[in-house]
Amino acid sequence: ADDIEDVRSVLRVCLLFTPIPVFYALFDQSGSRWTYQATLMNGSLGPFGTIQPDQMQALNSLFVLLFIPLFEEVIYPAFARCNLLI
């Protein structure tokens, strides 16, 4: 009886992990889509140089590192002062 309950518990845990491959498949596809779109663009950043298509993959990480502190320290407090947060 305990073995059956253990198997049921394991199956419930496995059920929690079923959406993870779908998420990462879509997440990786968005990164490759950025790279494809970059091949169609000239990549010019004006006086700052040129960005290559394969460098577009790093932009997501860079945006996360830049925008999390910006939102936490500037944007969300400003929205809270204006009562715009839900």
PDB file of N, CA and C in Angstrom:
ATOM      1  N   ALA A   1       0.826  -1.195   0.000  1.00  0.00           N
ATOM      2  CA  ALA A   1       0.000   0.000   0.000  1.00  0.00           C
ATOM      3  C   ALA A   1       0.866   1.253   0.000  1.00  0.00           C
ATOM      4  N   ASP A   2       1.958   1.214   0.763  1.00  0.00           N
ATOM      5  CA  ASP A   2       2.850   2.373   0.786  1.00  0.00           C
ATOM      6  C   ASP A   2       3.541   2.565  -0.554  1.00  0.00           C
ATOM      7  N   ASP A   3       3.858   1.449  -1.224  1.00  0.00           N
ATOM      8  CA  ASP A   3       4.516   1.552  -2.526  1.00  0.00           C
ATOM      9  C   ASP A   3       3.603   2.224  -3.550  1.00  0.00           C
ATOM     10  N   ILE A   4       2.336   1.899  -3.511  1.00  0.00           N
ATOM     11  CA  ILE A   4       1.390   2.503  -4.452  1.00  0.00           C
ATOM     12  C   ILE A   4       1.285   4.005  -4.203  1.00  0.00           C
ATOM     13  N   GLU A   5       1.244   4.397  -2.943  1.00  0.00           N
ATOM     14  CA  GLU A   5       1.178   5.824  -2.614  1.00  0.00           C
ATOM     15  C   GLU A   5       2.464   6.538  -3.025  1.00  0.00           C
ATOM     16  N   ASP A   6       3.603   5.858  -2.898  1.00  0.00           N
ATOM     17  CA  ASP A   6       4.877   6.445  -3.332  1.00  0.00           C
ATOM     18  C   ASP A   6       4.893   6.660  -4.840  1.00  0.00           C
ATOM     19  N   VAL A   7       4.395   5.680  -5.593  1.00  0.00           N
ATOM     20  CA  VAL A   7       4.339   5.805  -7.048  1.00  0.00           C
ATOM     21  C   VAL A   7       3.411   6.950  -7.438  1.00  0.00           C
ATOM     22  N   ARG A   8       2.280   7.070  -6.778  1.00  0.00           N
ATOM     23  CA  ARG A   8       1.365   8.175  -7.065  1.00  0.00           C
ATOM     24  C   ARG A   8       2.022   9.526  -6.775  1.00  0.00           C
ATOM     25  N   SER A   9       2.774   9.591  -5.693  1.00  0.00           N
ATOM     26  CA  SER A   9       3.468  10.842  -5.354  1.00  0.00           C
ATOM     27  C   SER A   9       4.497  11.202  -6.412  1.00  0.00           C
ATOM     28  N   VAL A  10       5.238  10.213  -6.875  1.00  0.00           N
ATOM     29  CA  VAL A  10       6.243  10.454  -7.914  1.00  0.00           C
ATOM     30  C   VAL A  10       5.571  10.903  -9.205  1.00  0.00           C
ATOM     31  N   LEU A  11       4.468  10.287  -9.569  1.00  0.00           N
ATOM     32  CA  LEU A  11       3.755  10.676 -10.786  1.00  0.00           C
ATOM     33  C   LEU A  11       3.210  12.100 -10.683  1.00  0.00           C
ATOM     34  N   ARG A  12       2.747  12.493  -9.504  1.00  0.00           N
ATOM     35  CA  ARG A  12       2.278  13.870  -9.320  1.00  0.00           C
ATOM     36  C   ARG A  12       3.420  14.867  -9.485  1.00  0.00           C
ATOM     37  N   VAL A  13       4.587  14.520  -8.970  1.00  0.00           N
ATOM     38  CA  VAL A  13       5.754  15.398  -9.128  1.00  0.00           C
ATOM     39  C   VAL A  13       6.163  15.461 -10.597  1.00  0.00           C
ATOM     40  N   CYS A  14       6.152  14.330 -11.278  1.00  0.00           N
ATOM     41  CA  CYS A  14       6.499  14.317 -12.705  1.00  0.00           C
ATOM     42  C   CYS A  14       5.521  15.163 -13.514  1.00  0.00           C
ATOM     43  N   LEU A  15       4.269  15.163 -13.122  1.00  0.00           N
ATOM     44  CA  LEU A  15       3.268  15.966 -13.813  1.00  0.00           C
ATOM     45  C   LEU A  15       3.591  17.458 -13.718  1.00  0.00           C
ATOM     46  N   LEU A  16       4.185  17.871 -12.615  1.00  0.00           N
ATOM     47  CA  LEU A  16       4.574  19.274 -12.465  1.00  0.00           C
ATOM     48  C   LEU A  16       5.641  19.684 -13.473  1.00  0.00           C
ATOM     49  N   PHE A  17       6.484  18.748 -13.868  1.00  0.00           N
ATOM     50  CA  PHE A  17       7.595  19.064 -14.757  1.00  0.00           C
ATOM     51  C   PHE A  17       7.256  18.951 -16.241  1.00  0.00           C
ATOM     52  N   THR A  18       6.064  18.515 -16.592  1.00  0.00           N
ATOM     53  CA  THR A  18       5.734  18.335 -18.011  1.00  0.00           C
ATOM     54  C   THR A  18       5.731  19.625 -18.823  1.00  0.00           C
ATOM     55  N   PRO A  19       5.334  20.791 -18.301  1.00  0.00           N
ATOM     56  CA  PRO A  19       5.365  21.996 -19.144  1.00  0.00           C
ATOM     57  C   PRO A  19       6.760  22.583 -19.344  1.00  0.00           C
ATOM     58  N   ILE A  20       7.733  22.155 -18.585  1.00  0.00           N
ATOM     59  CA  ILE A  20       9.070  22.764 -18.662  1.00  0.00           C
ATOM     60  C   ILE A  20       9.705  22.617 -20.045  1.00  0.00           C
ATOM     61  N   PRO A  21       9.695  21.443 -20.687  1.00  0.00           N
ATOM     62  CA  PRO A  21      10.292  21.366 -22.031  1.00  0.00           C
ATOM     63  C   PRO A  21       9.604  22.270 -23.049  1.00  0.00           C
ATOM     64  N   VAL A  22       8.296  22.427 -22.924  1.00  0.00           N
ATOM     65  CA  VAL A  22       7.575  23.304 -23.848  1.00  0.00           C
ATOM     66  C   VAL A  22       8.026  24.748 -23.649  1.00  0.00           C
ATOM     67  N   PHE A  23       8.145  25.166 -22.396  1.00  0.00           N
ATOM     68  CA  PHE A  23       8.587  26.530 -22.115  1.00  0.00           C
ATOM     69  C   PHE A  23       9.963  26.784 -22.713  1.00  0.00           C
ATOM     70  N   TYR A  24      10.918  25.896 -22.453  1.00  0.00           N
ATOM     71  CA  TYR A  24      12.272  26.137 -22.935  1.00  0.00           C
ATOM     72  C   TYR A  24      12.381  26.010 -24.450  1.00  0.00           C
ATOM     73  N   ALA A  25      11.543  25.191 -25.068  1.00  0.00           N
ATOM     74  CA  ALA A  25      11.535  25.138 -26.532  1.00  0.00           C
ATOM     75  C   ALA A  25      11.099  26.479 -27.105  1.00  0.00           C
ATOM     76  N   LEU A  26      10.059  27.060 -26.543  1.00  0.00           N
ATOM     77  CA  LEU A  26       9.597  28.370 -27.011  1.00  0.00           C
ATOM     78  C   LEU A  26      10.585  29.471 -26.652  1.00  0.00           C
ATOM     79  N   PHE A  27      11.187  29.389 -25.480  1.00  0.00           N
ATOM     80  CA  PHE A  27      12.157  30.393 -25.050  1.00  0.00           C
ATOM     81  C   PHE A  27      13.376  30.390 -25.965  1.00  0.00           C
ATOM     82  N   ASP A  28      13.889  29.207 -26.284  1.00  0.00           N
ATOM     83  CA  ASP A  28      15.042  29.122 -27.186  1.00  0.00           C
ATOM     84  C   ASP A  28      14.672  29.560 -28.596  1.00  0.00           C
ATOM     85  N   GLN A  29      13.451  29.303 -29.005  1.00  0.00           N
ATOM     86  CA  GLN A  29      13.019  29.727 -30.335  1.00  0.00           C
ATOM     87  C   GLN A  29      13.013  31.246 -30.435  1.00  0.00           C
ATOM     88  N   SER A  30      12.621  31.929 -29.376  1.00  0.00           N
ATOM     89  CA  SER A  30      12.617  33.392 -29.433  1.00  0.00           C
ATOM     90  C   SER A  30      14.032  33.922 -29.587  1.00  0.00           C
ATOM     91  N   GLY A  31      15.009  33.273 -28.954  1.00  0.00           N
ATOM     92  CA  GLY A  31      16.398  33.696 -29.118  1.00  0.00           C
ATOM     93  C   GLY A  31      16.898  33.483 -30.530  1.00  0.00           C
ATOM     94  N   SER A  32      16.546  32.356 -31.127  1.00  0.00           N
ATOM     95  CA  SER A  32      16.984  32.112 -32.501  1.00  0.00           C
ATOM     96  C   SER A  32      16.256  33.043 -33.465  1.00  0.00           C
ATOM     97  N   ARG A  33      15.049  33.419 -33.115  1.00  0.00           N
ATOM     98  CA  ARG A  33      14.304  34.371 -33.946  1.00  0.00           C
ATOM     99  C   ARG A  33      14.980  35.737 -33.928  1.00  0.00           C
ATOM    100  N   TRP A  34      15.515  36.140 -32.779  1.00  0.00           N
ATOM    101  CA  TRP A  34      16.274  37.393 -32.693  1.00  0.00           C
ATOM    102  C   TRP A  34      17.487  37.335 -33.609  1.00  0.00           C
ATOM    103  N   THR A  35      18.180  36.203 -33.593  1.00  0.00           N
ATOM    104  CA  THR A  35      19.364  36.057 -34.437  1.00  0.00           C
ATOM    105  C   THR A  35      18.977  36.121 -35.906  1.00  0.00           C
ATOM    106  N   TYR A  36      17.897  35.453 -36.282  1.00  0.00           N
ATOM    107  CA  TYR A  36      17.445  35.491 -37.668  1.00  0.00           C
ATOM    108  C   TYR A  36      17.074  36.914 -38.072  1.00  0.00           C
ATOM    109  N   GLN A  37      16.354  37.608 -37.209  1.00  0.00           N
ATOM    110  CA  GLN A  37      15.970  38.981 -37.522  1.00  0.00           C
ATOM    111  C   GLN A  37      17.212  39.859 -37.660  1.00  0.00           C
ATOM    112  N   ALA A  38      18.227  39.608 -36.855  1.00  0.00           N
ATOM    113  CA  ALA A  38      19.457  40.405 -36.930  1.00  0.00           C
ATOM    114  C   ALA A  38      20.181  40.193 -38.255  1.00  0.00           C
ATOM    115  N   THR A  39      20.044  39.015 -38.856  1.00  0.00           N
ATOM    116  CA  THR A  39      20.679  38.791 -40.161  1.00  0.00           C
ATOM    117  C   THR A  39      20.023  39.636 -41.242  1.00  0.00           C
ATOM    118  N   LEU A  40      18.770  40.037 -41.025  1.00  0.00           N
ATOM    119  CA  LEU A  40      18.056  40.853 -42.000  1.00  0.00           C
ATOM    120  C   LEU A  40      18.291  42.350 -41.798  1.00  0.00           C
ATOM    121  N   MET A  41      18.971  42.714 -40.715  1.00  0.00           N
ATOM    122  CA  MET A  41      19.212  44.123 -40.401  1.00  0.00           C
ATOM    123  C   MET A  41      20.682  44.455 -40.654  1.00  0.00           C
ATOM    124  N   ASN A  42      21.002  45.753 -40.720  1.00  0.00           N
ATOM    125  CA  ASN A  42      22.394  46.121 -40.972  1.00  0.00           C
ATOM    126  C   ASN A  42      23.235  46.137 -39.701  1.00  0.00           C
ATOM    127  N   GLY A  43      22.638  46.187 -38.527  1.00  0.00           N
ATOM    128  CA  GLY A  43      23.367  46.096 -37.272  1.00  0.00           C
ATOM    129  C   GLY A  43      24.086  47.355 -36.844  1.00  0.00           C
ATOM    130  N   SER A  44      23.868  48.440 -37.538  1.00  0.00           N
ATOM    131  CA  SER A  44      24.568  49.679 -37.214  1.00  0.00           C
ATOM    132  C   SER A  44      24.032  50.282 -35.919  1.00  0.00           C
ATOM    133  N   LEU A  45      24.952  50.645 -35.027  1.00  0.00           N
ATOM    134  CA  LEU A  45      24.607  51.332 -33.789  1.00  0.00           C
ATOM    135  C   LEU A  45      25.104  52.769 -33.819  1.00  0.00           C
ATOM    136  N   GLY A  46      25.253  53.291 -35.021  1.00  0.00           N
ATOM    137  CA  GLY A  46      25.732  54.666 -35.184  1.00  0.00           C
ATOM    138  C   GLY A  46      27.190  54.787 -34.778  1.00  0.00           C
ATOM    139  N   PRO A  47      27.515  55.775 -33.951  1.00  0.00           N
ATOM    140  CA  PRO A  47      28.917  55.966 -33.568  1.00  0.00           C
ATOM    141  C   PRO A  47      29.439  54.883 -32.621  1.00  0.00           C
ATOM    142  N   PHE A  48      28.543  54.012 -32.131  1.00  0.00           N
ATOM    143  CA  PHE A  48      28.962  52.979 -31.187  1.00  0.00           C
ATOM    144  C   PHE A  48      29.424  51.698 -31.869  1.00  0.00           C
ATOM    145  N   GLY A  49      29.375  51.632 -33.186  1.00  0.00           N
ATOM    146  CA  GLY A  49      29.851  50.455 -33.901  1.00  0.00           C
ATOM    147  C   GLY A  49      28.723  49.664 -34.533  1.00  0.00           C
ATOM    148  N   THR A  50      28.964  48.377 -34.674  1.00  0.00           N
ATOM    149  CA  THR A  50      28.017  47.480 -35.326  1.00  0.00           C
ATOM    150  C   THR A  50      27.833  46.246 -34.462  1.00  0.00           C
ATOM    151  N   ILE A  51      26.607  45.758 -34.393  1.00  0.00           N
ATOM    152  CA  ILE A  51      26.339  44.525 -33.667  1.00  0.00           C
ATOM    153  C   ILE A  51      26.133  43.408 -34.682  1.00  0.00           C
ATOM    154  N   GLN A  52      26.783  42.294 -34.442  1.00  0.00           N
ATOM    155  CA  GLN A  52      26.683  41.134 -35.322  1.00  0.00           C
ATOM    156  C   GLN A  52      25.454  40.304 -34.938  1.00  0.00           C
ATOM    157  N   PRO A  53      24.906  39.543 -35.890  1.00  0.00           N
ATOM    158  CA  PRO A  53      23.710  38.746 -35.588  1.00  0.00           C
ATOM    159  C   PRO A  53      23.887  37.786 -34.413  1.00  0.00           C
ATOM    160  N   ASP A  54      25.054  37.147 -34.296  1.00  0.00           N
ATOM    161  CA  ASP A  54      25.234  36.199 -33.197  1.00  0.00           C
ATOM    162  C   ASP A  54      25.365  36.896 -31.844  1.00  0.00           C
ATOM    163  N   GLN A  55      25.623  38.191 -31.833  1.00  0.00           N
ATOM    164  CA  GLN A  55      25.691  38.940 -30.581  1.00  0.00           C
ATOM    165  C   GLN A  55      24.306  39.279 -30.043  1.00  0.00           C
ATOM    166  N   MET A  56      23.282  39.120 -30.862  1.00  0.00           N
ATOM    167  CA  MET A  56      21.915  39.408 -30.424  1.00  0.00           C
ATOM    168  C   MET A  56      21.484  38.481 -29.289  1.00  0.00           C
ATOM    169  N   GLN A  57      22.044  37.265 -29.235  1.00  0.00           N
ATOM    170  CA  GLN A  57      21.690  36.322 -28.175  1.00  0.00           C
ATOM    171  C   GLN A  57      22.008  36.889 -26.797  1.00  0.00           C
ATOM    172  N   ALA A  58      23.077  37.664 -26.690  1.00  0.00           N
ATOM    173  CA  ALA A  58      23.493  38.209 -25.397  1.00  0.00           C
ATOM    174  C   ALA A  58      22.622  39.370 -24.947  1.00  0.00           C
ATOM    175  N   LEU A  59      21.858  39.958 -25.845  1.00  0.00           N
ATOM    176  CA  LEU A  59      21.059  41.118 -25.473  1.00  0.00           C
ATOM    177  C   LEU A  59      19.986  40.797 -24.437  1.00  0.00           C
ATOM    178  N   ASN A  60      19.397  39.613 -24.498  1.00  0.00           N
ATOM    179  CA  ASN A  60      18.378  39.258 -23.516  1.00  0.00           C
ATOM    180  C   ASN A  60      18.963  39.297 -22.109  1.00  0.00           C
ATOM    181  N   SER A  61      20.122  38.697 -21.913  1.00  0.00           N
ATOM    182  CA  SER A  61      20.758  38.715 -20.593  1.00  0.00           C
ATOM    183  C   SER A  61      21.133  40.127 -20.189  1.00  0.00           C
ATOM    184  N   LEU A  62      21.633  40.898 -21.124  1.00  0.00           N
ATOM    185  CA  LEU A  62      22.000  42.283 -20.837  1.00  0.00           C
ATOM    186  C   LEU A  62      20.773  43.099 -20.436  1.00  0.00           C
ATOM    187  N   PHE A  63      19.669  42.919 -21.158  1.00  0.00           N
ATOM    188  CA  PHE A  63      18.442  43.639 -20.819  1.00  0.00           C
ATOM    189  C   PHE A  63      17.940  43.268 -19.426  1.00  0.00           C
ATOM    190  N   VAL A  64      18.016  41.994 -19.070  1.00  0.00           N
ATOM    191  CA  VAL A  64      17.590  41.576 -17.734  1.00  0.00           C
ATOM    192  C   VAL A  64      18.449  42.254 -16.674  1.00  0.00           C
ATOM    193  N   LEU A  65      19.768  42.244 -16.875  1.00  0.00           N
ATOM    194  CA  LEU A  65      20.667  42.862 -15.896  1.00  0.00           C
ATOM    195  C   LEU A  65      20.456  44.366 -15.778  1.00  0.00           C
ATOM    196  N   LEU A  66      20.093  45.016 -16.860  1.00  0.00           N
ATOM    197  CA  LEU A  66      19.876  46.458 -16.822  1.00  0.00           C
ATOM    198  C   LEU A  66      18.492  46.840 -16.301  1.00  0.00           C
ATOM    199  N   PHE A  67      17.474  46.116 -16.740  1.00  0.00           N
ATOM    200  CA  PHE A  67      16.112  46.547 -16.453  1.00  0.00           C
ATOM    201  C   PHE A  67      15.599  46.150 -15.077  1.00  0.00           C
ATOM    202  N   ILE A  68      16.078  45.071 -14.489  1.00  0.00           N
ATOM    203  CA  ILE A  68      15.599  44.705 -13.150  1.00  0.00           C
ATOM    204  C   ILE A  68      15.923  45.799 -12.135  1.00  0.00           C
ATOM    205  N   PRO A  69      17.178  46.259 -12.033  1.00  0.00           N
ATOM    206  CA  PRO A  69      17.431  47.354 -11.080  1.00  0.00           C
ATOM    207  C   PRO A  69      16.687  48.640 -11.447  1.00  0.00           C
ATOM    208  N   LEU A  70      16.585  48.934 -12.732  1.00  0.00           N
ATOM    209  CA  LEU A  70      15.875  50.139 -13.161  1.00  0.00           C
ATOM    210  C   LEU A  70      14.408  50.098 -12.727  1.00  0.00           C
ATOM    211  N   PHE A  71      13.756  48.979 -12.956  1.00  0.00           N
ATOM    212  CA  PHE A  71      12.353  48.866 -12.582  1.00  0.00           C
ATOM    213  C   PHE A  71      12.179  48.870 -11.067  1.00  0.00           C
ATOM    214  N   GLU A  72      13.063  48.167 -10.348  1.00  0.00           N
ATOM    215  CA  GLU A  72      12.933  48.086  -8.892  1.00  0.00           C
ATOM    216  C   GLU A  72      13.190  49.423  -8.208  1.00  0.00           C
ATOM    217  N   GLU A  73      14.143  50.187  -8.702  1.00  0.00           N
ATOM    218  CA  GLU A  73      14.548  51.420  -8.026  1.00  0.00           C
ATOM    219  C   GLU A  73      13.868  52.674  -8.564  1.00  0.00           C
ATOM    220  N   VAL A  74      13.417  52.662  -9.813  1.00  0.00           N
ATOM    221  CA  VAL A  74      12.885  53.888 -10.411  1.00  0.00           C
ATOM    222  C   VAL A  74      11.421  53.733 -10.823  1.00  0.00           C
ATOM    223  N   ILE A  75      11.146  52.784 -11.690  1.00  0.00           N
ATOM    224  CA  ILE A  75       9.822  52.715 -12.317  1.00  0.00           C
ATOM    225  C   ILE A  75       8.740  52.266 -11.341  1.00  0.00           C
ATOM    226  N   TYR A  76       8.952  51.153 -10.621  1.00  0.00           N
ATOM    227  CA  TYR A  76       7.926  50.691  -9.686  1.00  0.00           C
ATOM    228  C   TYR A  76       7.662  51.685  -8.563  1.00  0.00           C
ATOM    229  N   PRO A  77       8.681  52.298  -7.946  1.00  0.00           N
ATOM    230  CA  PRO A  77       8.374  53.326  -6.935  1.00  0.00           C
ATOM    231  C   PRO A  77       7.604  54.519  -7.509  1.00  0.00           C
ATOM    232  N   ALA A  78       7.933  54.925  -8.741  1.00  0.00           N
ATOM    233  CA  ALA A  78       7.195  56.030  -9.359  1.00  0.00           C
ATOM    234  C   ALA A  78       5.742  55.637  -9.603  1.00  0.00           C
ATOM    235  N   PHE A  79       5.512  54.420 -10.066  1.00  0.00           N
ATOM    236  CA  PHE A  79       4.139  53.950 -10.263  1.00  0.00           C
ATOM    237  C   PHE A  79       3.397  53.870  -8.933  1.00  0.00           C
ATOM    238  N   ALA A  80       4.083  53.445  -7.874  1.00  0.00           N
ATOM    239  CA  ALA A  80       3.443  53.341  -6.560  1.00  0.00           C
ATOM    240  C   ALA A  80       3.034  54.718  -6.048  1.00  0.00           C
ATOM    241  N   ARG A  81       3.872  55.723  -6.275  1.00  0.00           N
ATOM    242  CA  ARG A  81       3.528  57.083  -5.848  1.00  0.00           C
ATOM    243  C   ARG A  81       2.303  57.614  -6.595  1.00  0.00           C
ATOM    244  N   CYS A  82       2.127  57.165  -7.826  1.00  0.00           N
ATOM    245  CA  CYS A  82       0.979  57.613  -8.634  1.00  0.00           C
ATOM    246  C   CYS A  82      -0.220  56.675  -8.518  1.00  0.00           C
ATOM    247  N   ASN A  83      -0.128  55.677  -7.638  1.00  0.00           N
ATOM    248  CA  ASN A  83      -1.185  54.665  -7.461  1.00  0.00           C
ATOM    249  C   ASN A  83      -1.507  53.938  -8.762  1.00  0.00           C
ATOM    250  N   LEU A  84      -0.484  53.597  -9.530  1.00  0.00           N
ATOM    251  CA  LEU A  84      -0.681  52.884 -10.792  1.00  0.00           C
ATOM    252  C   LEU A  84      -0.369  51.395 -10.693  1.00  0.00           C
ATOM    253  N   LEU A  85       0.107  50.939  -9.540  1.00  0.00           N
ATOM    254  CA  LEU A  85       0.400  49.517  -9.380  1.00  0.00           C
ATOM    255  C   LEU A  85      -0.869  48.759  -9.029  1.00  0.00           C
ATOM    256  N   ILE A  86      -0.967  47.555  -9.543  1.00  0.00           N
ATOM    257  CA  ILE A  86      -2.147  46.718  -9.274  1.00  0.00           C
ATOM    258  C   ILE A  86      -1.879  45.877  -8.054  1.00  0.00           C
TER     259      ILE A  86
END
